[in-house]
Amino acid sequence: MKGKMLKTKKNFGGSFLIQKTSEADLFTPEDLTEEHQMMAEMAEKFITNDVMPVLTKIEDQQFDYTVSILII
């Protein structure tokens, strides 16, 4: 099936609550692969450990802090 796009019906927002929707058309956290879960955990650790300690400086547009956390 290489090179072919699968056509799937897209559900937006809470439309699945009022429209007839197949279970296969819904995406839930249980559908995440181990790799997806690892990426989410890595992003959460980055925000907690590197961004939050300097968040006020980033919001004050002290861009040297923004650059410093991206270079880590």
Protein backbone atom coordinates (compact mmCIF):
# COMPACT_ATOMS: atom_id res chain seq x y z
CA MET A 1 0.00 0.00 0.00
CA LYS A 2 3.04 2.22 -0.27
CA GLY A 3 2.35 5.61 -1.82
CA LYS A 4 -1.41 5.50 -1.35
CA MET A 5 -3.21 7.81 1.03
CA LEU A 6 -5.92 6.31 3.18
CA LYS A 7 -9.09 8.35 3.20
CA THR A 8 -10.61 8.59 6.63
CA LYS A 9 -13.46 10.66 7.89
CA LYS A 10 -12.26 13.45 10.15
CA ASN A 11 -14.19 14.26 13.30
CA PHE A 12 -13.64 17.70 14.75
CA GLY A 13 -14.15 18.88 18.30
CA GLY A 14 -17.11 17.19 19.96
CA SER A 15 -18.79 16.26 16.67
CA PHE A 16 -18.48 12.59 17.59
CA LEU A 17 -21.08 13.24 20.28
CA ILE A 18 -23.81 14.30 17.87
CA GLN A 19 -22.87 12.51 14.65
CA LYS A 20 -22.88 8.83 13.91
CA THR A 21 -19.24 7.85 14.31
CA SER A 22 -17.45 4.58 13.93
CA GLU A 23 -15.19 3.49 16.77
CA ALA A 24 -12.40 3.11 14.21
CA ASP A 25 -12.65 6.83 13.35
CA LEU A 26 -11.86 7.97 16.90
CA PHE A 27 -8.36 8.48 18.26
CA THR A 28 -7.83 7.88 21.95
CA PRO A 29 -4.73 7.89 24.17
CA GLU A 30 -4.79 4.09 24.02
CA ASP A 31 -3.96 4.41 20.31
CA LEU A 32 -0.58 5.99 21.07
CA THR A 33 2.44 3.83 20.39
CA GLU A 34 5.25 3.40 22.91
CA GLU A 35 7.29 5.85 20.82
CA HIS A 36 4.52 8.47 21.02
CA GLN A 37 4.33 8.03 24.78
CA MET A 38 8.10 8.40 25.11
CA MET A 39 8.04 11.62 23.06
CA ALA A 40 5.24 13.04 25.23
CA GLU A 41 7.17 12.18 28.39
CA MET A 42 10.33 13.79 26.99
CA ALA A 43 8.43 16.98 26.09
CA GLU A 44 6.86 17.13 29.55
CA LYS A 45 10.28 16.74 31.22
CA PHE A 46 11.72 19.47 28.98
CA ILE A 47 8.96 21.90 29.95
CA THR A 48 9.21 21.03 33.66
CA ASN A 49 13.00 21.03 33.95
CA ASP A 50 14.13 23.63 31.40
CA VAL A 51 11.29 25.99 30.50
CA MET A 52 9.35 26.52 33.73
CA PRO A 53 12.37 27.72 35.77
CA VAL A 54 12.92 30.60 33.30
CA LEU A 55 9.36 31.12 32.07
CA THR A 56 9.00 34.67 33.41
CA LYS A 57 12.26 35.66 31.68
CA ILE A 58 11.04 34.10 28.42
CA GLU A 59 7.70 35.91 28.75
CA ASP A 60 9.61 39.14 29.38
CA GLN A 61 11.25 38.51 26.00
CA GLN A 62 14.74 37.99 27.35
CA PHE A 63 15.60 35.88 24.33
CA ASP A 64 19.01 34.78 25.57
CA TYR A 65 17.12 32.43 27.94
CA THR A 66 15.06 31.07 25.09
CA VAL A 67 18.16 30.40 23.05
CA SER A 68 19.99 28.85 26.01
CA ILE A 69 17.33 26.19 26.61
CA LEU A 70 17.21 25.30 22.92
CA ILE A 71 20.97 24.74 22.77
CA ILE A 72 21.06 22.30 25.70
